[in-house]
N, C-alpha and C. Protein backbone atom coordinates (compact mmCIF):
# COMPACT_ATOMS: atom_id res chain seq x y z
N ALA A 1 -34.63 -68.02 3.56
CA ALA A 1 -34.00 -68.78 2.51
C ALA A 1 -32.71 -68.09 2.04
N THR A 2 -32.77 -66.76 1.90
CA THR A 2 -31.59 -66.02 1.46
C THR A 2 -30.48 -66.14 2.49
N SER A 3 -30.85 -66.06 3.75
CA SER A 3 -29.87 -66.15 4.84
C SER A 3 -29.18 -67.52 4.82
N ALA A 4 -29.94 -68.58 4.66
CA ALA A 4 -29.37 -69.93 4.62
C ALA A 4 -28.45 -70.09 3.41
N CYS A 5 -28.85 -69.50 2.30
CA CYS A 5 -28.03 -69.56 1.09
C CYS A 5 -26.70 -68.85 1.31
N LEU A 6 -26.74 -67.68 1.93
CA LEU A 6 -25.52 -66.95 2.22
C LEU A 6 -24.61 -67.72 3.17
N GLU A 7 -25.19 -68.35 4.17
CA GLU A 7 -24.41 -69.15 5.10
C GLU A 7 -23.72 -70.31 4.38
N ASN A 8 -24.45 -70.98 3.52
CA ASN A 8 -23.86 -72.09 2.76
C ASN A 8 -22.73 -71.60 1.86
N LEU A 9 -22.95 -70.47 1.23
CA LEU A 9 -21.92 -69.90 0.37
C LEU A 9 -20.67 -69.55 1.18
N GLN A 10 -20.86 -68.94 2.34
CA GLN A 10 -19.72 -68.58 3.18
C GLN A 10 -18.97 -69.82 3.67
N ASN A 11 -19.70 -70.89 3.92
CA ASN A 11 -19.05 -72.11 4.40
C ASN A 11 -18.22 -72.81 3.34
N ILE A 12 -18.54 -72.63 2.07
CA ILE A 12 -17.75 -73.29 1.03
C ILE A 12 -16.61 -72.41 0.50
N LEU A 13 -16.60 -71.14 0.87
CA LEU A 13 -15.51 -70.27 0.45
C LEU A 13 -14.20 -70.71 1.10
N PRO A 14 -13.10 -70.68 0.36
CA PRO A 14 -11.80 -70.92 1.00
C PRO A 14 -11.55 -69.86 2.08
N VAL A 15 -10.81 -70.21 3.09
CA VAL A 15 -10.59 -69.31 4.23
C VAL A 15 -10.12 -67.92 3.82
N PRO A 16 -9.14 -67.77 2.95
CA PRO A 16 -8.72 -66.41 2.60
C PRO A 16 -9.85 -65.56 1.99
N HIS A 17 -10.68 -66.19 1.15
CA HIS A 17 -11.80 -65.46 0.54
C HIS A 17 -12.88 -65.14 1.58
N PHE A 18 -13.14 -66.09 2.45
CA PHE A 18 -14.11 -65.87 3.52
C PHE A 18 -13.67 -64.71 4.40
N LEU A 19 -12.41 -64.73 4.82
CA LEU A 19 -11.91 -63.67 5.70
C LEU A 19 -11.87 -62.32 4.99
N ALA A 20 -11.58 -62.32 3.70
CA ALA A 20 -11.60 -61.06 2.95
C ALA A 20 -13.02 -60.50 2.89
N SER A 21 -14.01 -61.35 2.69
CA SER A 21 -15.39 -60.86 2.66
C SER A 21 -15.83 -60.37 4.03
N VAL A 22 -15.40 -61.06 5.09
CA VAL A 22 -15.72 -60.62 6.45
C VAL A 22 -15.08 -59.27 6.73
N SER A 23 -13.83 -59.13 6.39
CA SER A 23 -13.11 -57.87 6.62
C SER A 23 -13.79 -56.72 5.88
N SER A 24 -14.14 -56.97 4.65
CA SER A 24 -14.81 -55.96 3.85
C SER A 24 -16.15 -55.56 4.47
N THR A 25 -16.91 -56.54 4.91
CA THR A 25 -18.22 -56.27 5.51
C THR A 25 -18.09 -55.50 6.81
N LEU A 26 -17.15 -55.88 7.65
CA LEU A 26 -17.02 -55.22 8.95
C LEU A 26 -16.41 -53.83 8.85
N SER A 27 -15.60 -53.58 7.85
CA SER A 27 -14.96 -52.27 7.75
C SER A 27 -15.79 -51.25 6.98
N GLU A 28 -16.80 -51.71 6.28
CA GLU A 28 -17.65 -50.81 5.49
C GLU A 28 -18.74 -50.20 6.37
N ASP A 29 -18.75 -48.88 6.49
CA ASP A 29 -19.71 -48.19 7.35
C ASP A 29 -21.16 -48.31 6.87
N SER A 30 -21.36 -48.47 5.58
CA SER A 30 -22.72 -48.48 5.03
C SER A 30 -23.42 -49.84 5.16
N VAL A 31 -22.74 -50.83 5.71
CA VAL A 31 -23.34 -52.16 5.85
C VAL A 31 -24.38 -52.14 6.96
N ASP A 32 -25.51 -52.75 6.68
CA ASP A 32 -26.62 -52.85 7.63
C ASP A 32 -26.18 -53.59 8.89
N ASP A 33 -26.71 -53.18 10.03
CA ASP A 33 -26.36 -53.81 11.31
C ASP A 33 -26.68 -55.30 11.33
N TYR A 34 -27.79 -55.69 10.72
CA TYR A 34 -28.16 -57.11 10.69
C TYR A 34 -27.09 -57.93 9.96
N ILE A 35 -26.64 -57.41 8.82
CA ILE A 35 -25.61 -58.11 8.03
C ILE A 35 -24.30 -58.16 8.82
N ARG A 36 -23.97 -57.07 9.47
CA ARG A 36 -22.75 -57.02 10.29
C ARG A 36 -22.82 -58.04 11.42
N LYS A 37 -23.96 -58.10 12.09
CA LYS A 37 -24.15 -59.05 13.20
C LYS A 37 -24.07 -60.49 12.69
N LYS A 38 -24.69 -60.75 11.56
CA LYS A 38 -24.67 -62.08 10.96
C LYS A 38 -23.25 -62.47 10.55
N THR A 39 -22.50 -61.50 10.03
CA THR A 39 -21.12 -61.74 9.61
C THR A 39 -20.27 -62.14 10.81
N ILE A 40 -20.44 -61.43 11.92
CA ILE A 40 -19.68 -61.76 13.14
C ILE A 40 -20.04 -63.15 13.63
N ARG A 41 -21.32 -63.51 13.55
CA ARG A 41 -21.73 -64.85 13.98
C ARG A 41 -21.12 -65.92 13.08
N LEU A 42 -21.15 -65.69 11.77
CA LEU A 42 -20.55 -66.66 10.83
C LEU A 42 -19.05 -66.80 11.09
N LEU A 43 -18.39 -65.69 11.35
CA LEU A 43 -16.96 -65.72 11.65
C LEU A 43 -16.70 -66.54 12.91
N SER A 44 -17.50 -66.32 13.92
CA SER A 44 -17.36 -67.04 15.18
C SER A 44 -17.57 -68.55 14.97
N GLU A 45 -18.55 -68.90 14.17
CA GLU A 45 -18.82 -70.32 13.89
C GLU A 45 -17.68 -70.95 13.08
N ARG A 46 -17.17 -70.19 12.14
CA ARG A 46 -16.12 -70.74 11.26
C ARG A 46 -14.81 -70.92 12.02
N VAL A 47 -14.48 -69.98 12.92
CA VAL A 47 -13.23 -70.11 13.67
C VAL A 47 -13.30 -71.29 14.64
N ALA A 48 -14.48 -71.65 15.08
CA ALA A 48 -14.63 -72.78 16.00
C ALA A 48 -14.17 -74.09 15.35
N GLU A 49 -14.15 -74.13 14.02
CA GLU A 49 -13.73 -75.33 13.30
C GLU A 49 -12.22 -75.38 13.06
N VAL A 50 -11.51 -74.31 13.45
CA VAL A 50 -10.08 -74.19 13.17
C VAL A 50 -9.27 -74.66 14.37
N ASN A 51 -8.25 -75.44 14.10
CA ASN A 51 -7.34 -75.91 15.14
C ASN A 51 -6.20 -74.90 15.26
N SER A 52 -5.70 -74.69 16.46
CA SER A 52 -4.66 -73.68 16.67
C SER A 52 -3.36 -73.98 15.93
N ASP A 53 -3.12 -75.23 15.58
CA ASP A 53 -1.87 -75.53 14.86
C ASP A 53 -2.05 -75.65 13.35
N SER A 54 -3.24 -75.32 12.85
CA SER A 54 -3.45 -75.37 11.40
C SER A 54 -2.92 -74.10 10.75
N PRO A 55 -2.58 -74.16 9.48
CA PRO A 55 -2.10 -72.96 8.77
C PRO A 55 -3.16 -71.86 8.74
N GLU A 56 -4.43 -72.23 8.80
CA GLU A 56 -5.51 -71.25 8.77
C GLU A 56 -5.57 -70.40 10.04
N ALA A 57 -5.00 -70.91 11.13
CA ALA A 57 -5.06 -70.18 12.40
C ALA A 57 -4.45 -68.79 12.28
N LEU A 58 -3.33 -68.68 11.59
CA LEU A 58 -2.68 -67.37 11.42
C LEU A 58 -3.56 -66.42 10.63
N LEU A 59 -4.26 -66.94 9.64
CA LEU A 59 -5.17 -66.09 8.86
C LEU A 59 -6.31 -65.58 9.73
N PHE A 60 -6.85 -66.44 10.57
CA PHE A 60 -7.94 -66.02 11.45
C PHE A 60 -7.45 -65.01 12.50
N LEU A 61 -6.22 -65.19 12.97
CA LEU A 61 -5.68 -64.23 13.95
C LEU A 61 -5.63 -62.82 13.38
N GLU A 62 -5.42 -62.72 12.09
CA GLU A 62 -5.39 -61.41 11.45
C GLU A 62 -6.76 -60.72 11.46
N ALA A 63 -7.83 -61.46 11.73
CA ALA A 63 -9.17 -60.90 11.80
C ALA A 63 -9.51 -60.34 13.17
N VAL A 64 -8.70 -60.64 14.18
CA VAL A 64 -9.00 -60.17 15.54
C VAL A 64 -9.11 -58.65 15.62
N PRO A 65 -8.22 -57.88 14.97
CA PRO A 65 -8.39 -56.41 15.04
C PRO A 65 -9.73 -55.91 14.50
N GLU A 66 -10.29 -56.60 13.52
CA GLU A 66 -11.62 -56.22 13.01
C GLU A 66 -12.67 -56.39 14.10
N LEU A 67 -12.55 -57.48 14.86
CA LEU A 67 -13.49 -57.70 15.97
C LEU A 67 -13.29 -56.67 17.07
N VAL A 68 -12.03 -56.36 17.35
CA VAL A 68 -11.73 -55.35 18.38
C VAL A 68 -12.35 -54.02 17.98
N SER A 69 -12.30 -53.69 16.70
CA SER A 69 -12.89 -52.43 16.26
C SER A 69 -14.40 -52.42 16.48
N GLN A 70 -15.03 -53.58 16.45
CA GLN A 70 -16.47 -53.65 16.71
C GLN A 70 -16.76 -53.47 18.20
N VAL A 71 -15.83 -53.89 19.05
CA VAL A 71 -15.99 -53.69 20.49
C VAL A 71 -15.83 -52.21 20.84
N CYS A 72 -14.96 -51.54 20.11
CA CYS A 72 -14.63 -50.13 20.39
C CYS A 72 -15.62 -49.13 19.80
N VAL A 73 -16.69 -49.61 19.19
CA VAL A 73 -17.67 -48.70 18.59
C VAL A 73 -18.29 -47.83 19.68
N ALA A 74 -18.29 -46.53 19.44
CA ALA A 74 -18.87 -45.60 20.41
C ALA A 74 -20.39 -45.74 20.42
N ARG A 75 -20.94 -45.74 21.60
CA ARG A 75 -22.39 -45.79 21.73
C ARG A 75 -22.94 -44.37 21.67
N PRO A 76 -24.03 -44.18 20.92
CA PRO A 76 -24.60 -42.84 20.83
C PRO A 76 -25.24 -42.42 22.15
N LYS A 77 -25.31 -41.11 22.36
CA LYS A 77 -26.01 -40.58 23.54
C LYS A 77 -27.50 -40.81 23.37
N ILE A 78 -28.17 -41.13 24.47
CA ILE A 78 -29.61 -41.37 24.41
C ILE A 78 -30.32 -40.04 24.63
N THR A 79 -30.99 -39.57 23.57
CA THR A 79 -31.73 -38.32 23.67
C THR A 79 -33.20 -38.50 23.34
N ASP A 80 -33.52 -39.56 22.58
CA ASP A 80 -34.90 -39.84 22.21
C ASP A 80 -35.03 -41.33 21.89
N GLU A 81 -36.20 -41.72 21.41
CA GLU A 81 -36.46 -43.14 21.12
C GLU A 81 -35.53 -43.67 20.02
N THR A 82 -35.27 -42.86 19.00
CA THR A 82 -34.40 -43.28 17.91
C THR A 82 -32.97 -43.53 18.40
N SER A 83 -32.47 -42.64 19.25
CA SER A 83 -31.12 -42.83 19.76
C SER A 83 -31.05 -44.02 20.73
N LEU A 84 -32.14 -44.31 21.42
CA LEU A 84 -32.19 -45.48 22.29
C LEU A 84 -32.05 -46.76 21.46
N VAL A 85 -32.72 -46.81 20.31
CA VAL A 85 -32.62 -47.97 19.41
C VAL A 85 -31.18 -48.10 18.91
N SER A 86 -30.57 -46.98 18.52
CA SER A 86 -29.17 -47.01 18.05
C SER A 86 -28.24 -47.47 19.17
N TYR A 87 -28.49 -47.03 20.38
CA TYR A 87 -27.69 -47.41 21.53
C TYR A 87 -27.77 -48.93 21.76
N ARG A 88 -28.98 -49.44 21.69
CA ARG A 88 -29.17 -50.88 21.88
C ARG A 88 -28.51 -51.68 20.78
N ARG A 89 -28.57 -51.19 19.54
CA ARG A 89 -27.90 -51.88 18.42
C ARG A 89 -26.39 -51.91 18.64
N ALA A 90 -25.85 -50.82 19.13
CA ALA A 90 -24.40 -50.77 19.40
C ALA A 90 -24.02 -51.80 20.45
N ILE A 91 -24.85 -51.94 21.48
CA ILE A 91 -24.58 -52.92 22.53
C ILE A 91 -24.64 -54.34 21.97
N VAL A 92 -25.62 -54.63 21.12
CA VAL A 92 -25.74 -55.96 20.52
C VAL A 92 -24.51 -56.26 19.66
N MET A 93 -24.04 -55.25 18.90
CA MET A 93 -22.85 -55.45 18.08
C MET A 93 -21.62 -55.73 18.95
N GLN A 94 -21.49 -54.98 20.03
CA GLN A 94 -20.37 -55.21 20.94
C GLN A 94 -20.44 -56.60 21.55
N GLN A 95 -21.63 -57.00 21.95
CA GLN A 95 -21.80 -58.32 22.54
C GLN A 95 -21.42 -59.41 21.53
N GLY A 96 -21.86 -59.27 20.30
CA GLY A 96 -21.50 -60.25 19.26
C GLY A 96 -20.00 -60.32 19.05
N ALA A 97 -19.36 -59.16 19.02
CA ALA A 97 -17.90 -59.12 18.84
C ALA A 97 -17.19 -59.77 20.02
N LEU A 98 -17.68 -59.53 21.23
CA LEU A 98 -17.07 -60.15 22.42
C LEU A 98 -17.21 -61.67 22.39
N ILE A 99 -18.36 -62.15 21.98
CA ILE A 99 -18.57 -63.60 21.87
C ILE A 99 -17.63 -64.18 20.82
N ALA A 100 -17.47 -63.48 19.72
CA ALA A 100 -16.56 -63.95 18.66
C ALA A 100 -15.12 -63.96 19.15
N ILE A 101 -14.71 -62.93 19.88
CA ILE A 101 -13.34 -62.89 20.42
C ILE A 101 -13.12 -64.06 21.36
N GLU A 102 -14.11 -64.38 22.17
CA GLU A 102 -14.00 -65.54 23.05
C GLU A 102 -13.83 -66.82 22.24
N SER A 103 -14.60 -66.95 21.17
CA SER A 103 -14.49 -68.13 20.31
C SER A 103 -13.12 -68.20 19.64
N PHE A 104 -12.60 -67.04 19.23
CA PHE A 104 -11.26 -66.99 18.64
C PHE A 104 -10.22 -67.45 19.65
N ALA A 105 -10.31 -66.94 20.87
CA ALA A 105 -9.32 -67.30 21.90
C ALA A 105 -9.39 -68.79 22.20
N ARG A 106 -10.59 -69.31 22.29
CA ARG A 106 -10.77 -70.72 22.59
C ARG A 106 -10.19 -71.61 21.49
N SER A 107 -10.38 -71.21 20.24
CA SER A 107 -9.94 -72.04 19.12
C SER A 107 -8.48 -71.82 18.73
N LEU A 108 -8.01 -70.57 18.83
CA LEU A 108 -6.73 -70.23 18.23
C LEU A 108 -5.57 -70.13 19.19
N TYR A 109 -5.84 -69.93 20.48
CA TYR A 109 -4.70 -69.80 21.38
C TYR A 109 -4.09 -71.18 21.59
N PRO A 110 -2.79 -71.31 21.29
CA PRO A 110 -2.17 -72.64 21.37
C PRO A 110 -2.03 -73.14 22.80
N PRO A 111 -2.02 -74.46 22.97
CA PRO A 111 -1.94 -75.04 24.31
C PRO A 111 -0.59 -74.80 25.00
N THR A 112 0.46 -74.53 24.22
CA THR A 112 1.77 -74.26 24.81
C THR A 112 2.21 -72.85 24.44
N ASP A 113 2.95 -72.22 25.33
CA ASP A 113 3.39 -70.84 25.11
C ASP A 113 4.73 -70.74 24.40
N ASP A 114 5.31 -71.84 24.01
CA ASP A 114 6.64 -71.80 23.42
C ASP A 114 6.64 -71.85 21.89
N SER A 115 5.55 -71.48 21.28
CA SER A 115 5.48 -71.54 19.83
C SER A 115 5.40 -70.14 19.21
N LYS A 116 5.69 -70.09 17.94
CA LYS A 116 5.58 -68.84 17.19
C LYS A 116 4.13 -68.38 17.16
N LEU A 117 3.21 -69.34 17.10
CA LEU A 117 1.79 -69.00 17.10
C LEU A 117 1.37 -68.35 18.41
N ALA A 118 1.94 -68.80 19.52
CA ALA A 118 1.60 -68.20 20.82
C ALA A 118 1.97 -66.72 20.83
N LYS A 119 3.10 -66.36 20.25
CA LYS A 119 3.51 -64.96 20.15
C LYS A 119 2.52 -64.17 19.30
N LYS A 120 2.17 -64.73 18.14
CA LYS A 120 1.21 -64.05 17.27
C LYS A 120 -0.16 -63.95 17.92
N ALA A 121 -0.58 -64.99 18.62
CA ALA A 121 -1.87 -64.96 19.31
C ALA A 121 -1.86 -63.92 20.42
N SER A 122 -0.78 -63.85 21.17
CA SER A 122 -0.66 -62.84 22.22
C SER A 122 -0.71 -61.44 21.63
N ASP A 123 -0.01 -61.25 20.53
CA ASP A 123 -0.02 -59.94 19.87
C ASP A 123 -1.42 -59.55 19.41
N ALA A 124 -2.22 -60.53 19.02
CA ALA A 124 -3.59 -60.26 18.57
C ALA A 124 -4.55 -60.05 19.72
N PHE A 125 -4.39 -60.84 20.80
CA PHE A 125 -5.38 -60.80 21.87
C PHE A 125 -5.13 -59.74 22.93
N ILE A 126 -3.92 -59.26 23.09
CA ILE A 126 -3.67 -58.22 24.10
C ILE A 126 -4.45 -56.95 23.79
N PRO A 127 -4.49 -56.46 22.54
CA PRO A 127 -5.35 -55.31 22.27
C PRO A 127 -6.83 -55.62 22.52
N ALA A 128 -7.24 -56.86 22.27
CA ALA A 128 -8.62 -57.25 22.55
C ALA A 128 -8.90 -57.15 24.05
N LEU A 129 -7.98 -57.63 24.86
CA LEU A 129 -8.16 -57.54 26.32
C LEU A 129 -8.20 -56.09 26.79
N THR A 130 -7.38 -55.25 26.19
CA THR A 130 -7.39 -53.83 26.52
C THR A 130 -8.75 -53.22 26.20
N SER A 131 -9.30 -53.56 25.04
CA SER A 131 -10.61 -53.03 24.64
C SER A 131 -11.72 -53.54 25.56
N VAL A 132 -11.65 -54.80 25.92
CA VAL A 132 -12.66 -55.36 26.81
C VAL A 132 -12.58 -54.68 28.18
N THR A 133 -11.36 -54.47 28.67
CA THR A 133 -11.18 -53.80 29.96
C THR A 133 -11.75 -52.38 29.91
N ARG A 134 -11.48 -51.66 28.82
CA ARG A 134 -12.01 -50.31 28.66
C ARG A 134 -13.54 -50.33 28.63
N LEU A 135 -14.11 -51.26 27.89
CA LEU A 135 -15.57 -51.38 27.78
C LEU A 135 -16.19 -51.66 29.15
N LEU A 136 -15.59 -52.57 29.89
CA LEU A 136 -16.11 -52.87 31.23
C LEU A 136 -15.98 -51.67 32.16
N GLY A 137 -14.87 -50.95 32.06
CA GLY A 137 -14.70 -49.74 32.88
C GLY A 137 -15.74 -48.68 32.56
N GLU A 138 -16.02 -48.49 31.27
CA GLU A 138 -17.04 -47.53 30.86
C GLU A 138 -18.42 -47.96 31.36
N GLY A 139 -18.70 -49.25 31.25
CA GLY A 139 -19.98 -49.77 31.75
C GLY A 139 -20.13 -49.56 33.24
N ALA A 140 -19.07 -49.84 33.99
CA ALA A 140 -19.11 -49.65 35.45
C ALA A 140 -19.31 -48.17 35.79
N SER A 141 -18.59 -47.30 35.09
CA SER A 141 -18.74 -45.86 35.34
C SER A 141 -20.14 -45.39 35.04
N SER A 142 -20.71 -45.90 33.97
CA SER A 142 -22.07 -45.52 33.59
C SER A 142 -23.08 -45.95 34.66
N TRP A 143 -22.90 -47.18 35.17
CA TRP A 143 -23.79 -47.66 36.21
C TRP A 143 -23.66 -46.83 37.49
N ILE A 144 -22.43 -46.52 37.84
CA ILE A 144 -22.19 -45.72 39.04
C ILE A 144 -22.82 -44.36 38.88
N ASP A 145 -22.62 -43.73 37.72
CA ASP A 145 -23.22 -42.40 37.48
C ASP A 145 -24.73 -42.44 37.52
N SER A 146 -25.34 -43.47 36.92
CA SER A 146 -26.80 -43.53 36.92
C SER A 146 -27.38 -43.85 38.29
N ASN A 147 -26.64 -44.53 39.13
CA ASN A 147 -27.13 -44.86 40.47
C ASN A 147 -26.85 -43.78 41.50
N SER A 148 -25.97 -42.83 41.16
CA SER A 148 -25.64 -41.77 42.12
C SER A 148 -26.59 -40.59 42.00
N ASP A 149 -27.46 -40.61 40.98
CA ASP A 149 -28.43 -39.51 40.80
C ASP A 149 -29.56 -39.56 41.77
């Protein structure tokens, strides 16, 4: 019930207030992983309703670096059962951020490259692509290392 109430509240917030609450939640280290994951999902759902030529698109583009920071979260070393749980949580957070970035790109990248928004979208998504490439490279290296033993 509390979760549904929070979702309804987030849906009626004006975009600037919604994005400010998302930014605050994602940048605060003390926020519970469940709340962080739920926040990313709400952000992903809300951006899906935005058209690339709406004034809100620029506001949402400013949230892309917050998602990129969630992709760049370092995974802890696995030394025991507790660290394995932390490792898995980090992977789930990264996966949620990647799904949200995909939703952002789908909704916000303009259909033509000759607009001011296309420049801003490119500026926002290039660091995201760099982070995704780095994450995939680390994953591939990890698999190679674990299979070479």
